[in-house]
C-alpha atoms as a PDB file:
ATOM      1  CA  MET A   1     -28.323 -23.810 -25.879  1.00  0.00           C
ATOM      2  CA  THR A   2     -25.231 -21.582 -25.877  1.00  0.00           C
ATOM      3  CA  ILE A   3     -24.289 -18.399 -24.032  1.00  0.00           C
ATOM      4  CA  LYS A   4     -24.719 -16.440 -27.272  1.00  0.00           C
ATOM      5  CA  GLU A   5     -28.256 -17.810 -27.694  1.00  0.00           C
ATOM      6  CA  ILE A   6     -29.095 -16.895 -24.082  1.00  0.00           C
ATOM      7  CA  ALA A   7     -27.772 -13.391 -24.727  1.00  0.00           C
ATOM      8  CA  LYS A   8     -29.852 -13.013 -27.882  1.00  0.00           C
ATOM      9  CA  GLU A   9     -33.096 -14.216 -26.287  1.00  0.00           C
ATOM     10  CA  SER A  10     -32.643 -12.234 -23.065  1.00  0.00           C
ATOM     11  CA  GLY A  11     -31.653  -9.052 -24.870  1.00  0.00           C
ATOM     12  CA  TYR A  12     -28.398  -8.654 -22.946  1.00  0.00           C
ATOM     13  CA  GLY A  13     -24.774  -8.960 -23.975  1.00  0.00           C
ATOM     14  CA  VAL A  14     -22.667 -12.105 -23.821  1.00  0.00           C
ATOM     15  CA  GLY A  15     -20.514 -10.515 -21.138  1.00  0.00           C
ATOM     16  CA  THR A  16     -23.555  -9.872 -18.941  1.00  0.00           C
ATOM     17  CA  VAL A  17     -24.721 -13.474 -19.358  1.00  0.00           C
ATOM     18  CA  SER A  18     -21.247 -14.707 -18.453  1.00  0.00           C
ATOM     19  CA  ARG A  19     -21.230 -12.583 -15.283  1.00  0.00           C
ATOM     20  CA  VAL A  20     -24.626 -13.985 -14.242  1.00  0.00           C
ATOM     21  CA  LEU A  21     -23.404 -17.557 -14.798  1.00  0.00           C
ATOM     22  CA  ASN A  22     -20.309 -16.789 -12.727  1.00  0.00           C
ATOM     23  CA  HIS A  23     -22.371 -15.181  -9.923  1.00  0.00           C
ATOM     24  CA  SER A  24     -20.746 -11.783 -10.392  1.00  0.00           C
ATOM     25  CA  PRO A  25     -22.310  -8.954  -8.337  1.00  0.00           C
ATOM     26  CA  ASN A  26     -21.740  -6.441 -11.169  1.00  0.00           C
ATOM     27  CA  VAL A  27     -25.112  -7.123 -12.830  1.00  0.00           C
ATOM     28  CA  SER A  28     -28.406  -5.265 -12.366  1.00  0.00           C
ATOM     29  CA  ASP A  29     -31.309  -7.119 -10.769  1.00  0.00           C
ATOM     30  CA  GLU A  30     -33.375  -6.627 -13.913  1.00  0.00           C
ATOM     31  CA  ALA A  31     -30.704  -8.170 -16.144  1.00  0.00           C
ATOM     32  CA  ARG A  32     -30.096 -11.056 -13.755  1.00  0.00           C
ATOM     33  CA  GLU A  33     -33.811 -11.927 -13.587  1.00  0.00           C
ATOM     34  CA  ALA A  34     -34.219 -11.826 -17.371  1.00  0.00           C
ATOM     35  CA  ILE A  35     -31.181 -14.007 -17.997  1.00  0.00           C
ATOM     36  CA  LEU A  36     -32.061 -16.521 -15.289  1.00  0.00           C
ATOM     37  CA  ALA A  37     -35.557 -16.787 -16.748  1.00  0.00           C
ATOM     38  CA  VAL A  38     -34.113 -17.821 -20.127  1.00  0.00           C
ATOM     39  CA  ILE A  39     -31.738 -20.258 -18.441  1.00  0.00           C
ATOM     40  CA  GLU A  40     -34.596 -21.882 -16.518  1.00  0.00           C
ATOM     41  CA  LYS A  41     -36.849 -21.978 -19.569  1.00  0.00           C
ATOM     42  CA  HIS A  42     -34.336 -23.990 -21.586  1.00  0.00           C
ATOM     43  CA  HIS A  43     -32.914 -25.950 -18.645  1.00  0.00           C
ATOM     44  CA  PHE A  44     -29.443 -24.664 -19.504  1.00  0.00           C
ATOM     45  CA  GLU A  45     -26.603 -26.220 -17.518  1.00  0.00           C
ATOM     46  CA  PRO A  46     -23.237 -24.454 -17.757  1.00  0.00           C
ATOM     47  CA  ASN A  47     -19.988 -26.358 -18.090  1.00  0.00           C
ATOM     48  CA  PRO A  48     -18.974 -27.388 -14.538  1.00  0.00           C
ATOM     49  CA  ASN A  49     -15.391 -26.386 -15.295  1.00  0.00           C
ATOM     50  CA  ALA A  50     -15.539 -22.696 -14.290  1.00  0.00           C
ATOM     51  CA  LYS A  51     -12.228 -21.794 -15.870  1.00  0.00           C
ATOM     52  CA  HIS A  52     -13.292 -23.322 -19.177  1.00  0.00           C
ATOM     53  CA  LEU A  53     -16.567 -21.422 -18.985  1.00  0.00           C
ATOM     54  CA  LYS A  54     -14.764 -18.113 -18.519  1.00  0.00           C
ATOM     55  CA  LEU A  55     -12.509 -18.814 -21.475  1.00  0.00           C
ATOM     56  CA  GLN A  56     -15.472 -19.335 -23.801  1.00  0.00           C
ATOM     57  CA  THR A  57     -16.105 -15.583 -24.026  1.00  0.00           C
ATOM     58  CA  LYS A  58     -13.730 -12.657 -24.245  1.00  0.00           C
ATOM     59  CA  PHE A  59     -14.568  -9.574 -22.228  1.00  0.00           C
ATOM     60  CA  GLY A  60     -13.159  -6.066 -22.096  1.00  0.00           C
ATOM     61  CA  ILE A  61      -9.687  -4.551 -22.264  1.00  0.00           C
ATOM     62  CA  ALA A  62      -7.589  -4.909 -19.129  1.00  0.00           C
ATOM     63  CA  ILE A  63      -5.486  -1.925 -18.050  1.00  0.00           C
ATOM     64  CA  ILE A  64      -2.652  -2.745 -15.632  1.00  0.00           C
ATOM     65  CA  VAL A  65      -1.265   0.324 -13.840  1.00  0.00           C
ATOM     66  CA  LYS A  66       2.009   0.178 -11.922  1.00  0.00           C
ATOM     67  CA  GLY A  67       1.934   2.417  -8.843  1.00  0.00           C
ATOM     68  CA  THR A  68      -0.870   4.405  -7.246  1.00  0.00           C
ATOM     69  CA  GLN A  69       0.724   7.878  -6.924  1.00  0.00           C
ATOM     70  CA  ASN A  70       1.486   8.546 -10.588  1.00  0.00           C
ATOM     71  CA  MET A  71      -0.770  11.443 -11.537  1.00  0.00           C
ATOM     72  CA  LEU A  72       0.282  11.226 -15.192  1.00  0.00           C
ATOM     73  CA  PHE A  73      -1.076   7.671 -15.303  1.00  0.00           C
ATOM     74  CA  ALA A  74      -4.281   8.856 -13.650  1.00  0.00           C
ATOM     75  CA  SER A  75      -4.763  11.459 -16.371  1.00  0.00           C
ATOM     76  CA  ILE A  76      -3.974   9.009 -19.173  1.00  0.00           C
ATOM     77  CA  LEU A  77      -6.223   6.352 -17.652  1.00  0.00           C
ATOM     78  CA  GLU A  78      -9.232   8.672 -17.437  1.00  0.00           C
ATOM     79  CA  LYS A  79      -8.951   9.661 -21.091  1.00  0.00           C
ATOM     80  CA  MET A  80      -8.137   6.168 -22.319  1.00  0.00           C
ATOM     81  CA  GLN A  81     -11.168   4.669 -20.576  1.00  0.00           C
ATOM     82  CA  VAL A  82     -13.420   7.131 -22.394  1.00  0.00           C
ATOM     83  CA  CYS A  83     -11.834   6.317 -25.779  1.00  0.00           C
ATOM     84  CA  ILE A  84     -12.086   2.548 -25.289  1.00  0.00           C
ATOM     85  CA  GLU A  85     -15.625   2.548 -23.948  1.00  0.00           C
ATOM     86  CA  ARG A  86     -16.814   4.818 -26.767  1.00  0.00           C
ATOM     87  CA  SER A  87     -15.748   2.005 -29.096  1.00  0.00           C
ATOM     88  CA  GLY A  88     -18.148  -0.340 -27.279  1.00  0.00           C
ATOM     89  CA  ILE A  89     -15.533  -2.238 -25.263  1.00  0.00           C
ATOM     90  CA  ALA A  90     -15.537  -2.280 -21.469  1.00  0.00           C
ATOM     91  CA  THR A  91     -12.383  -1.595 -19.415  1.00  0.00           C
ATOM     92  CA  LEU A  92     -11.031  -3.607 -16.491  1.00  0.00           C
ATOM     93  CA  ILE A  93      -8.602  -1.660 -14.247  1.00  0.00           C
ATOM     94  CA  TYR A  94      -5.916  -3.334 -12.143  1.00  0.00           C
ATOM     95  CA  TYR A  95      -3.472  -1.416  -9.917  1.00  0.00           C
ATOM     96  CA  ILE A  96      -0.265  -3.128  -8.842  1.00  0.00           C
ATOM     97  CA  ASP A  97       2.731  -1.967  -6.803  1.00  0.00           C
ATOM     98  CA  GLN A  98       5.420  -0.257  -8.871  1.00  0.00           C
ATOM     99  CA  ASP A  99       7.839  -3.060  -7.978  1.00  0.00           C
ATOM    100  CA  ALA A 100       5.393  -5.871  -8.827  1.00  0.00           C
ATOM    101  CA  ASN A 101       5.651  -8.113 -11.895  1.00  0.00           C
ATOM    102  CA  GLU A 102       3.134  -6.888 -14.455  1.00  0.00           C
ATOM    103  CA  VAL A 103       3.554  -9.972 -16.680  1.00  0.00           C
ATOM    104  CA  ASP A 104       2.527 -12.293 -13.849  1.00  0.00           C
ATOM    105  CA  ARG A 105      -0.497 -10.084 -13.267  1.00  0.00           C
ATOM    106  CA  ALA A 106      -1.342 -10.110 -16.969  1.00  0.00           C
ATOM    107  CA  LEU A 107      -1.235 -13.902 -17.090  1.00  0.00           C
ATOM    108  CA  SER A 108      -3.530 -14.052 -14.069  1.00  0.00           C
ATOM    109  CA  VAL A 109      -5.969 -11.560 -15.608  1.00  0.00           C
ATOM    110  CA  CYS A 110      -6.103 -13.555 -18.836  1.00  0.00           C
ATOM    111  CA  LYS A 111      -6.976 -16.723 -16.959  1.00  0.00           C
ATOM    112  CA  GLU A 112      -9.645 -14.950 -14.916  1.00  0.00           C
ATOM    113  CA  ARG A 113     -11.270 -12.663 -17.500  1.00  0.00           C
ATOM    114  CA  ASN A 114      -9.949 -13.580 -20.973  1.00  0.00           C
ATOM    115  CA  PRO A 115      -9.755  -9.943 -22.220  1.00  0.00           C
ATOM    116  CA  TYR A 116      -9.572  -8.823 -25.843  1.00  0.00           C
ATOM    117  CA  GLY A 117      -6.321  -7.002 -25.083  1.00  0.00           C
ATOM    118  CA  ILE A 118      -4.150  -5.521 -22.342  1.00  0.00           C
ATOM    119  CA  VAL A 119      -2.759  -2.035 -21.704  1.00  0.00           C
ATOM    120  CA  PHE A 120       0.364  -1.707 -19.557  1.00  0.00           C
ATOM    121  CA  MET A 121       1.147   1.629 -17.886  1.00  0.00           C
ATOM    122  CA  GLY A 122       4.595   2.037 -16.378  1.00  0.00           C
ATOM    123  CA  SER A 123       5.838  -1.370 -17.482  1.00  0.00           C
ATOM    124  CA  ASN A 124       9.377  -2.670 -17.645  1.00  0.00           C
ATOM    125  CA  LEU A 125       9.121  -5.662 -19.941  1.00  0.00           C
ATOM    126  CA  GLU A 126      12.678  -5.986 -21.250  1.00  0.00           C
ATOM    127  CA  GLU A 127      13.516  -9.030 -19.111  1.00  0.00           C
ATOM    128  CA  ASN A 128      10.257 -10.983 -19.071  1.00  0.00           C
ATOM    129  CA  GLY A 129       8.165  -9.424 -21.808  1.00  0.00           C
ATOM    130  CA  GLY A 130       8.721 -12.446 -24.057  1.00  0.00           C
ATOM    131  CA  VAL A 131       6.086 -14.297 -22.047  1.00  0.00           C
ATOM    132  CA  LEU A 132       3.470 -11.977 -23.579  1.00  0.00           C
ATOM    133  CA  LYS A 133       3.780 -13.940 -26.829  1.00  0.00           C
ATOM    134  CA  GLU A 134       2.023 -16.781 -25.068  1.00  0.00           C
ATOM    135  CA  LEU A 135      -1.047 -14.623 -24.477  1.00  0.00           C
ATOM    136  CA  GLU A 136      -1.705 -14.328 -28.210  1.00  0.00           C
ATOM    137  CA  ILE A 137      -3.744 -11.147 -27.682  1.00  0.00           C
ATOM    138  CA  PRO A 138      -2.850  -7.544 -28.575  1.00  0.00           C
ATOM    139  CA  CYS A 139      -0.996  -5.604 -25.864  1.00  0.00           C
ATOM    140  CA  GLN A 140      -0.264  -1.876 -25.633  1.00  0.00           C
ATOM    141  CA  ILE A 141       2.540  -0.351 -23.558  1.00  0.00           C
ATOM    142  CA  VAL A 142       2.029   3.319 -22.673  1.00  0.00           C
ATOM    143  CA  THR A 143       4.906   5.723 -21.723  1.00  0.00           C
ATOM    144  CA  ASN A 144       7.592   3.123 -22.485  1.00  0.00           C
ATOM    145  CA  SER A 145       8.776   1.867 -25.867  1.00  0.00           C
ATOM    146  CA  ALA A 146       8.451  -1.819 -26.705  1.00  0.00           C
ATOM    147  CA  ALA A 147      10.068  -1.608 -30.141  1.00  0.00           C
ATOM    148  CA  SER A 148      13.119  -3.556 -28.953  1.00  0.00           C
ATOM    149  CA  LEU A 149      10.912  -6.523 -27.949  1.00  0.00           C
ATOM    150  CA  ASN A 150      10.084  -7.104 -31.623  1.00  0.00           C
ATOM    151  CA  MET A 151       6.797  -8.885 -30.899  1.00  0.00           C
ATOM    152  CA  LYS A 152       3.880  -8.727 -33.310  1.00  0.00           C
ATOM    153  CA  ASN A 153       1.283  -8.483 -30.535  1.00  0.00           C
ATOM    154  CA  VAL A 154       2.958  -5.795 -28.368  1.00  0.00           C
ATOM    155  CA  SER A 155       2.579  -2.140 -29.443  1.00  0.00           C
ATOM    156  CA  SER A 156       3.817   0.963 -27.634  1.00  0.00           C
ATOM    157  CA  ILE A 157       3.541   4.727 -27.461  1.00  0.00           C
ATOM    158  CA  ALA A 158       5.991   6.946 -25.583  1.00  0.00           C
ATOM    159  CA  VAL A 159       8.197  10.008 -25.686  1.00  0.00           C
ATOM    160  CA  ASP A 160      11.955   9.740 -26.230  1.00  0.00           C
ATOM    161  CA  ASP A 161      12.995   9.551 -22.567  1.00  0.00           C
ATOM    162  CA  THR A 162      16.700   9.800 -23.343  1.00  0.00           C
ATOM    163  CA  ALA A 163      16.350  12.944 -25.462  1.00  0.00           C
ATOM    164  CA  ALA A 164      13.885  14.566 -23.022  1.00  0.00           C
ATOM    165  CA  ALA A 165      16.134  14.073 -19.978  1.00  0.00           C
ATOM    166  CA  SER A 166      19.134  15.321 -21.941  1.00  0.00           C
ATOM    167  CA  CYS A 167      17.129  18.417 -22.893  1.00  0.00           C
ATOM    168  CA  MET A 168      16.405  19.144 -19.230  1.00  0.00           C
ATOM    169  CA  ILE A 169      20.076  18.950 -18.249  1.00  0.00           C
ATOM    170  CA  ASP A 170      20.939  21.177 -21.226  1.00  0.00           C
ATOM    171  CA  TYR A 171      18.379  23.665 -19.887  1.00  0.00           C
ATOM    172  CA  LEU A 172      19.937  23.702 -16.405  1.00  0.00           C
ATOM    173  CA  VAL A 173      23.461  24.006 -17.769  1.00  0.00           C
ATOM    174  CA  ALA A 174      22.400  26.940 -19.969  1.00  0.00           C
ATOM    175  CA  ARG A 175      21.286  28.659 -16.759  1.00  0.00           C
ATOM    176  CA  GLY A 176      24.643  28.286 -15.103  1.00  0.00           C
ATOM    177  CA  HIS A 177      24.176  25.036 -13.150  1.00  0.00           C
ATOM    178  CA  ARG A 178      27.089  22.608 -13.055  1.00  0.00           C
ATOM    179  CA  ASN A 179      26.550  20.683  -9.816  1.00  0.00           C
ATOM    180  CA  ILE A 180      23.226  18.912 -10.434  1.00  0.00           C
ATOM    181  CA  GLY A 181      21.689  16.153  -8.334  1.00  0.00           C
ATOM    182  CA  ILE A 182      19.352  13.596  -9.905  1.00  0.00           C
ATOM    183  CA  ILE A 183      16.508  11.606  -8.344  1.00  0.00           C
ATOM    184  CA  GLY A 184      15.156   8.526 -10.114  1.00  0.00           C
ATOM    185  CA  GLY A 185      14.351   4.853  -9.876  1.00  0.00           C
ATOM    186  CA  ASP A 186      16.836   2.015  -9.888  1.00  0.00           C
ATOM    187  CA  PRO A 187      18.091   2.006 -13.512  1.00  0.00           C
ATOM    188  CA  THR A 188      18.662  -1.767 -13.364  1.00  0.00           C
ATOM    189  CA  LEU A 189      14.958  -2.289 -12.640  1.00  0.00           C
ATOM    190  CA  SER A 190      13.203   0.717 -14.178  1.00  0.00           C
ATOM    191  CA  ARG A 191      13.537   1.146 -17.941  1.00  0.00           C
ATOM    192  CA  PRO A 192      12.413   4.820 -17.897  1.00  0.00           C
ATOM    193  CA  SER A 193      14.987   5.567 -15.178  1.00  0.00           C
ATOM    194  CA  TYR A 194      17.683   3.826 -17.216  1.00  0.00           C
ATOM    195  CA  LEU A 195      16.863   5.833 -20.341  1.00  0.00           C
ATOM    196  CA  ARG A 196      16.526   9.162 -18.500  1.00  0.00           C
ATOM    197  CA  LEU A 197      19.783   8.665 -16.615  1.00  0.00           C
ATOM    198  CA  GLY A 198      21.462   7.890 -19.927  1.00  0.00           C
ATOM    199  CA  GLY A 199      20.124  11.146 -21.330  1.00  0.00           C
ATOM    200  CA  CYS A 200      21.466  13.066 -18.344  1.00  0.00           C
ATOM    201  CA  GLN A 201      24.902  11.488 -18.718  1.00  0.00           C
ATOM    202  CA  THR A 202      24.938  12.302 -22.430  1.00  0.00           C
ATOM    203  CA  SER A 203      24.297  15.968 -21.671  1.00  0.00           C
ATOM    204  CA  PHE A 204      26.976  16.104 -18.957  1.00  0.00           C
ATOM    205  CA  PHE A 205      29.484  14.521 -21.328  1.00  0.00           C
ATOM    206  CA  ARG A 206      28.576  16.919 -24.133  1.00  0.00           C
ATOM    207  CA  HIS A 207      29.131  19.909 -21.835  1.00  0.00           C
ATOM    208  CA  ARG A 208      32.282  18.347 -20.327  1.00  0.00           C
ATOM    209  CA  ILE A 209      30.779  18.420 -16.852  1.00  0.00           C
ATOM    210  CA  PRO A 210      31.839  15.595 -14.508  1.00  0.00           C
ATOM    211  CA  PHE A 211      29.039  13.472 -13.061  1.00  0.00           C
ATOM    212  CA  ASP A 212      29.460  10.992 -10.218  1.00  0.00           C
ATOM    213  CA  PRO A 213      26.391   8.712  -9.841  1.00  0.00           C
ATOM    214  CA  ASP A 214      27.490   7.668  -6.341  1.00  0.00           C
ATOM    215  CA  SER A 215      27.246  11.215  -4.992  1.00  0.00           C
ATOM    216  CA  GLN A 216      24.852  12.876  -7.455  1.00  0.00           C
ATOM    217  CA  TYR A 217      22.194  10.191  -8.030  1.00  0.00           C
ATOM    218  CA  ALA A 218      19.679   9.019  -5.416  1.00  0.00           C
ATOM    219  CA  TYR A 219      17.280   6.104  -5.905  1.00  0.00           C
ATOM    220  CA  ALA A 220      13.616   6.706  -5.086  1.00  0.00           C
ATOM    221  CA  ARG A 221      10.194   5.215  -5.562  1.00  0.00           C
ATOM    222  CA  PHE A 222       8.026   7.337  -7.839  1.00  0.00           C
ATOM    223  CA  SER A 223       6.166   8.942  -4.951  1.00  0.00           C
ATOM    224  CA  LEU A 224       6.113  12.077  -2.790  1.00  0.00           C
ATOM    225  CA  GLU A 225       7.899  10.325   0.053  1.00  0.00           C
ATOM    226  CA  GLY A 226      10.393   8.826  -2.371  1.00  0.00           C
ATOM    227  CA  GLY A 227      11.334  12.285  -3.635  1.00  0.00           C
ATOM    228  CA  TYR A 228      11.515  13.632  -0.082  1.00  0.00           C
ATOM    229  CA  ARG A 229      13.843  10.889   1.196  1.00  0.00           C
ATOM    230  CA  ALA A 230      16.054  10.962  -1.885  1.00  0.00           C
ATOM    231  CA  THR A 231      16.508  14.725  -1.522  1.00  0.00           C
ATOM    232  CA  GLU A 232      17.636  14.290   2.069  1.00  0.00           C
ATOM    233  CA  GLU A 233      20.156  11.735   0.827  1.00  0.00           C
ATOM    234  CA  LEU A 234      21.464  14.110  -1.850  1.00  0.00           C
ATOM    235  CA  LEU A 235      21.814  16.930   0.675  1.00  0.00           C
ATOM    236  CA  GLN A 236      23.982  14.689   2.823  1.00  0.00           C
ATOM    237  CA  LYS A 237      26.109  13.535  -0.113  1.00  0.00           C
ATOM    238  CA  ASP A 238      26.488  16.890  -1.852  1.00  0.00           C
ATOM    239  CA  PRO A 239      25.236  19.929   0.109  1.00  0.00           C
ATOM    240  CA  ASP A 240      26.719  22.306  -2.475  1.00  0.00           C
ATOM    241  CA  MET A 241      24.549  21.218  -5.418  1.00  0.00           C
ATOM    242  CA  THR A 242      22.640  24.058  -7.066  1.00  0.00           C
ATOM    243  CA  ALA A 243      19.892  22.096  -8.834  1.00  0.00           C
ATOM    244  CA  ILE A 244      17.944  18.826  -8.696  1.00  0.00           C
ATOM    245  CA  PHE A 245      16.357  17.012 -11.609  1.00  0.00           C
ATOM    246  CA  ALA A 246      13.652  14.574 -10.450  1.00  0.00           C
ATOM    247  CA  MET A 247      12.463  11.945 -12.918  1.00  0.00           C
ATOM    248  CA  SER A 248       8.808  12.590 -12.075  1.00  0.00           C
ATOM    249  CA  ASP A 249       6.832  15.637 -10.988  1.00  0.00           C
ATOM    250  CA  ILE A 250       5.592  13.817  -7.892  1.00  0.00           C
ATOM    251  CA  MET A 251       9.184  13.182  -6.791  1.00  0.00           C
ATOM    252  CA  ALA A 252      10.033  16.805  -7.571  1.00  0.00           C
ATOM    253  CA  ILE A 253       7.197  18.027  -5.325  1.00  0.00           C
ATOM    254  CA  GLY A 254       8.476  15.763  -2.549  1.00  0.00           C
ATOM    255  CA  ALA A 255      11.945  17.198  -3.137  1.00  0.00           C
ATOM    256  CA  ILE A 256      10.722  20.795  -2.800  1.00  0.00           C
ATOM    257  CA  ARG A 257       9.078  19.950   0.531  1.00  0.00           C
ATOM    258  CA  ALA A 258      12.298  18.344   1.803  1.00  0.00           C
ATOM    259  CA  LEU A 259      14.371  21.345   0.770  1.00  0.00           C
ATOM    260  CA  TYR A 260      12.073  23.761   2.606  1.00  0.00           C
ATOM    261  CA  ASP A 261      12.147  21.523   5.680  1.00  0.00           C
ATOM    262  CA  HIS A 262      15.940  21.713   5.585  1.00  0.00           C
ATOM    263  CA  GLY A 263      16.033  25.499   5.243  1.00  0.00           C
ATOM    264  CA  ARG A 264      16.608  25.653   1.471  1.00  0.00           C
ATOM    265  CA  ARG A 265      14.479  28.022  -0.610  1.00  0.00           C
ATOM    266  CA  VAL A 266      13.410  27.059  -4.135  1.00  0.00           C
ATOM    267  CA  PRO A 267      14.673  28.494  -6.433  1.00  0.00           C
ATOM    268  CA  LEU A 268      16.703  31.111  -4.491  1.00  0.00           C
ATOM    269  CA  ASP A 269      19.000  28.559  -2.854  1.00  0.00           C
ATOM    270  CA  ILE A 270      18.490  25.572  -5.129  1.00  0.00           C
ATOM    271  CA  SER A 271      16.555  24.899  -8.350  1.00  0.00           C
ATOM    272  CA  VAL A 272      14.259  21.901  -8.916  1.00  0.00           C
ATOM    273  CA  THR A 273      12.911  20.401 -12.134  1.00  0.00           C
ATOM    274  CA  GLY A 274      10.608  17.471 -12.826  1.00  0.00           C
ATOM    275  CA  TYR A 275       9.303  15.188 -15.541  1.00  0.00           C
ATOM    276  CA  ASP A 276       5.744  14.431 -16.764  1.00  0.00           C
ATOM    277  CA  GLY A 277       4.006  17.806 -16.872  1.00  0.00           C
ATOM    278  CA  ILE A 278       1.104  16.844 -14.617  1.00  0.00           C
ATOM    279  CA  GLU A 279      -1.555  19.492 -13.995  1.00  0.00           C
ATOM    280  CA  LEU A 280      -0.461  19.958 -10.365  1.00  0.00           C
ATOM    281  CA  SER A 281       2.938  21.224 -11.536  1.00  0.00           C
ATOM    282  CA  LYS A 282       1.258  24.486 -12.604  1.00  0.00           C
ATOM    283  CA  TYR A 283      -0.368  25.089  -9.217  1.00  0.00           C
ATOM    284  CA  ILE A 284       2.370  24.436  -6.657  1.00  0.00           C
ATOM    285  CA  HIS A 285       4.657  27.230  -5.466  1.00  0.00           C
ATOM    286  CA  PRO A 286       6.979  27.767  -7.180  1.00  0.00           C
ATOM    287  CA  THR A 287       5.476  26.452 -10.387  1.00  0.00           C
ATOM    288  CA  LEU A 288       7.523  23.532 -11.639  1.00  0.00           C
ATOM    289  CA  THR A 289       9.812  23.510 -14.651  1.00  0.00           C
ATOM    290  CA  THR A 290       9.277  20.061 -16.150  1.00  0.00           C
ATOM    291  CA  VAL A 291       9.270  17.840 -19.215  1.00  0.00           C
ATOM    292  CA  ARG A 292       5.659  17.574 -20.360  1.00  0.00           C
ATOM    293  CA  GLN A 293       4.370  14.315 -21.772  1.00  0.00           C
ATOM    294  CA  ASN A 294       1.180  14.782 -23.795  1.00  0.00           C
ATOM    295  CA  ALA A 295      -1.335  12.723 -21.770  1.00  0.00           C
ATOM    296  CA  ASP A 296      -4.145  13.292 -24.296  1.00  0.00           C
ATOM    297  CA  ARG A 297      -2.038  12.001 -27.168  1.00  0.00           C
ATOM    298  CA  LEU A 298      -0.733   9.029 -25.178  1.00  0.00           C
ATOM    299  CA  ALA A 299      -4.284   8.061 -24.201  1.00  0.00           C
ATOM    300  CA  THR A 300      -6.086   8.532 -27.514  1.00  0.00           C
ATOM    301  CA  ARG A 301      -3.431   7.057 -29.803  1.00  0.00           C
ATOM    302  CA  GLY A 302      -2.734   4.250 -27.361  1.00  0.00           C
ATOM    303  CA  ALA A 303      -6.417   3.311 -27.372  1.00  0.00           C
ATOM    304  CA  GLU A 304      -6.745   3.679 -31.161  1.00  0.00           C
ATOM    305  CA  ILE A 305      -3.731   1.483 -31.871  1.00  0.00           C
ATOM    306  CA  LEU A 306      -4.875  -1.285 -29.521  1.00  0.00           C
ATOM    307  CA  ILE A 307      -8.479  -1.303 -30.754  1.00  0.00           C
ATOM    308  CA  ARG A 308      -7.298  -1.504 -34.362  1.00  0.00           C
ATOM    309  CA  CYS A 309      -4.991  -4.419 -33.532  1.00  0.00           C
ATOM    310  CA  ILE A 310      -7.890  -6.196 -31.812  1.00  0.00           C
ATOM    311  CA  ARG A 311     -10.456  -5.639 -34.562  1.00  0.00           C
ATOM    312  CA  GLU A 312      -8.289  -5.865 -37.667  1.00  0.00           C
ATOM    313  CA  GLY A 313      -5.534  -8.193 -36.500  1.00  0.00           C
ATOM    314  CA  THR A 314      -2.800  -5.748 -37.512  1.00  0.00           C
ATOM    315  CA  ASP A 315       0.777  -6.117 -36.335  1.00  0.00           C
ATOM    316  CA  ALA A 316       2.268  -4.042 -33.518  1.00  0.00           C
ATOM    317  CA  VAL A 317       2.714  -0.286 -33.926  1.00  0.00           C
ATOM    318  CA  HIS A 318       5.368   1.763 -32.116  1.00  0.00           C
ATOM    319  CA  GLU A 319       4.990   5.543 -31.942  1.00  0.00           C
ATOM    320  CA  VAL A 320       7.260   8.173 -30.391  1.00  0.00           C
ATOM    321  CA  ILE A 321       5.414  11.410 -29.638  1.00  0.00           C
ATOM    322  CA  PRO A 322       6.946  14.853 -29.028  1.00  0.00           C
ATOM    323  CA  TYR A 323       7.746  16.112 -25.535  1.00  0.00           C
ATOM    324  CA  GLU A 324       7.735  19.730 -24.386  1.00  0.00           C
ATOM    325  CA  LEU A 325       9.944  21.559 -21.907  1.00  0.00           C
ATOM    326  CA  GLN A 326       7.450  23.459 -19.752  1.00  0.00           C
ATOM    327  CA  GLU A 327       9.041  26.384 -17.918  1.00  0.00           C
ATOM    328  CA  GLY A 328       7.874  27.305 -14.440  1.00  0.00           C
ATOM    329  CA  THR A 329       9.466  29.422 -11.710  1.00  0.00           C
ATOM    330  CA  SER A 330      11.398  26.661  -9.925  1.00  0.00           C
ATOM    331  CA  VAL A 331      14.741  27.375 -11.664  1.00  0.00           C
ATOM    332  CA  ARG A 332      17.075  30.268 -10.925  1.00  0.00           C
ATOM    333  CA  THR A 333      19.633  31.443 -13.482  1.00  0.00           C
ATOM    334  CA  LEU A 334      23.105  31.615 -11.925  1.00  0.00           C
ATOM    335  CA  SER A 335      25.888  33.962 -12.955  1.00  0.00           C
ATOM    336  CA  LEU A 336      27.557  32.324 -15.916  1.00  0.00           C
ATOM    337  CA  PRO A 337      31.374  31.971 -15.790  1.00  0.00           C
END
């Protein structure tokens, strides 16, 4: 008697049978009774090695999300869950701290649940992503490119962070701003921060505007408080700056609050821009000028690519989708020289 045969006779899926055998609470009473009846009828005895038992059956797609305050991820996650579950595959959601190691978590998830595939949101896999080869299952990175990893089982979908950040600085410069502060993550640890800072520096160089990272760049966690604290740091370093570019909308909202608390009006005294294009950016005051990432496209294509890799065994796919500069009322045009 096998798990598949129990599933067939009981009328429930293999995953449900596996959860009953592993005493999982996520099973209805009706399903549990029906499955246990089949088990008792055939005197089925599961393998005493629990880990081996779990590895006999694959279940679901695991989605590992770095950080809990990223509203872009929340929007992508909601849409991606719908796309995946419409295909008949369950989703398993895991939140980890934005500074945690997502590869370690992925290895743990694979041992515990043996998923068909894994989605990473907000990952930075350049240093330890090679370990994913050992998983031998399809992986999908969302909002960060994995093309440089050159692994057949790791796909990605993202915008061009370098070009998008450069576009935002170009926008501020075109409106007369020369002294611009930047808030972002540690570029040695955060790949998106590294790429976006590079885009900013490219724009400054192109416009022949000096940029000093020590006085014009402040590290922050991608959170409201992170944006608030980083803005206070920038105000101390360079009180004469006329604009701030925050590498996420959440940080930008935290920055606006800090500026008001320190007597600075946005955009009359100082302009603020963000990155992501979350829905909230349209409803704060002033409305936020930001780089919009297409959450619908990231979610649907990310899910489609991963499901195809799982079902057809295709090699990794890397897509770069367009970004959009979304104008709000948080930027003031200065008198041009």
